[in-house]
Structures are given as structure tokens and as C-alpha cells.
Protein backbone atom coordinates (compact mmCIF):
# COMPACT_ATOMS: atom_id res chain seq x y z
CA MET A 1 62.04 -78.75 -43.33
CA LEU A 2 61.32 -81.38 -40.70
CA PHE A 3 63.23 -81.49 -37.46
CA THR A 4 62.90 -83.74 -34.39
CA ILE A 5 62.74 -82.04 -31.03
CA GLN A 6 66.28 -83.02 -30.24
CA LYS A 7 67.63 -81.53 -33.44
CA ALA A 8 65.51 -78.45 -32.97
CA LYS A 9 67.02 -77.97 -29.48
CA ASN A 10 70.49 -78.12 -30.92
CA GLN A 11 69.77 -75.97 -33.97
CA LEU A 12 67.28 -73.43 -32.66
CA PRO A 13 69.14 -70.29 -33.87
CA GLU A 14 69.41 -71.75 -37.40
CA LEU A 15 65.80 -72.71 -37.46
CA ILE A 16 64.77 -69.25 -36.37
CA ASP A 17 66.89 -67.77 -39.20
CA ALA A 18 65.25 -70.17 -41.67
CA ALA A 19 61.73 -69.23 -40.49
CA LEU A 20 62.63 -65.49 -40.74
CA ALA A 21 63.78 -66.16 -44.28
CA GLY A 22 60.29 -67.60 -45.06
CA GLU A 23 61.14 -71.29 -44.98
CA ASP A 24 58.57 -73.81 -43.57
CA VAL A 25 60.06 -75.16 -40.31
CA VAL A 26 58.18 -78.10 -38.75
CA ILE A 27 59.21 -79.78 -35.49
CA THR A 28 58.12 -83.28 -35.00
CA ILE A 29 57.44 -85.54 -32.02
CA GLY A 30 58.64 -88.91 -33.09
CA THR A 31 57.36 -89.16 -36.71
CA LYS A 32 54.33 -86.87 -36.26
CA PRO A 33 54.51 -83.19 -37.09
CA ALA A 34 53.73 -81.24 -33.92
CA VAL A 35 54.47 -77.53 -34.38
CA ARG A 36 55.41 -75.09 -37.08
CA LEU A 37 57.91 -72.36 -36.50
CA VAL A 38 56.60 -69.14 -38.04
CA ALA A 39 58.11 -65.63 -38.14
CA ILE A 40 55.98 -62.79 -36.72
CA PRO A 41 55.48 -60.06 -39.36
CA GLN A 42 57.26 -56.84 -38.54
CA TYR A 43 55.52 -53.62 -39.44
CA ASP A 44 57.15 -50.18 -39.62
CA PHE A 45 54.14 -48.22 -38.25
CA LYS A 46 54.47 -44.47 -38.30
CA LEU A 47 51.94 -41.88 -37.11
CA GLY A 48 51.36 -38.79 -39.23
CA VAL A 49 52.44 -40.23 -42.56
CA LEU A 50 49.63 -38.37 -44.32
CA GLU A 51 50.19 -35.09 -42.50
CA GLY A 52 49.81 -32.20 -44.96
CA LYS A 53 48.48 -34.57 -47.70
CA VAL A 54 44.86 -34.78 -46.45
CA GLY A 55 42.43 -31.96 -46.22
CA ALA A 56 41.01 -30.63 -42.98
CA THR A 57 39.14 -33.21 -40.93
CA PRO A 58 35.95 -32.47 -38.95
CA ASP A 59 36.09 -32.10 -35.21
CA PHE A 60 33.63 -34.78 -34.09
CA LEU A 61 33.45 -33.44 -30.57
CA GLU A 62 32.43 -29.92 -31.71
CA PRO A 63 28.67 -29.29 -31.30
CA LEU A 64 26.60 -29.21 -34.48
CA SER A 65 25.50 -25.79 -35.85
CA SER A 66 21.82 -25.07 -35.58
CA ASP A 67 21.33 -25.69 -39.29
CA GLU A 68 23.07 -29.11 -39.11
CA LEU A 69 21.14 -30.06 -35.92
CA LYS A 70 17.83 -29.09 -37.62
CA ALA A 71 18.78 -31.23 -40.71
CA TRP A 72 19.36 -34.24 -38.47
CA GLU A 73 16.20 -33.69 -36.44
CA ASP A 74 14.01 -33.35 -39.58
CA ARG A 75 14.95 -36.81 -40.93
């Protein structure tokens, strides 16, 4: 969909709806394409979605045991 700047000003809400629906919206200056209106992806990010599904994780701030430390030093 090509729109001049003037038409884009008058129809901005409709152009935004079209972009959100996945349509390719291009705004022109004169006859030259200038910008493309693109929807920003929306993510439903949640913390803790794997809680109870993953085994115990190591505590990386806990000091190594003497056996683990020796194994690293002997490399």
C-alpha cells in the first residue's frame, strides 16, 4: 500500500491498523518511497515459566569444594 504524506496524515489510524494486521504500508514523498510503517512485535514475556519443570541449578556464587578446586587446578 502506497500513501503520500498528505493521505498518511489524514488516515494515520487506518494505516496503523493495516500495519498491525501485517500489511506493507509505505509512505511516499512525491513519487519516491520514503518510509515503511512497521508494527513492533509484542511479546508476552513471563518469568518463572519453567519453575518446577527444571532440575536444581548450581549456585555459581557458592565456593567450590576442595575436590572441585583441585580438579580445576590440576588441568
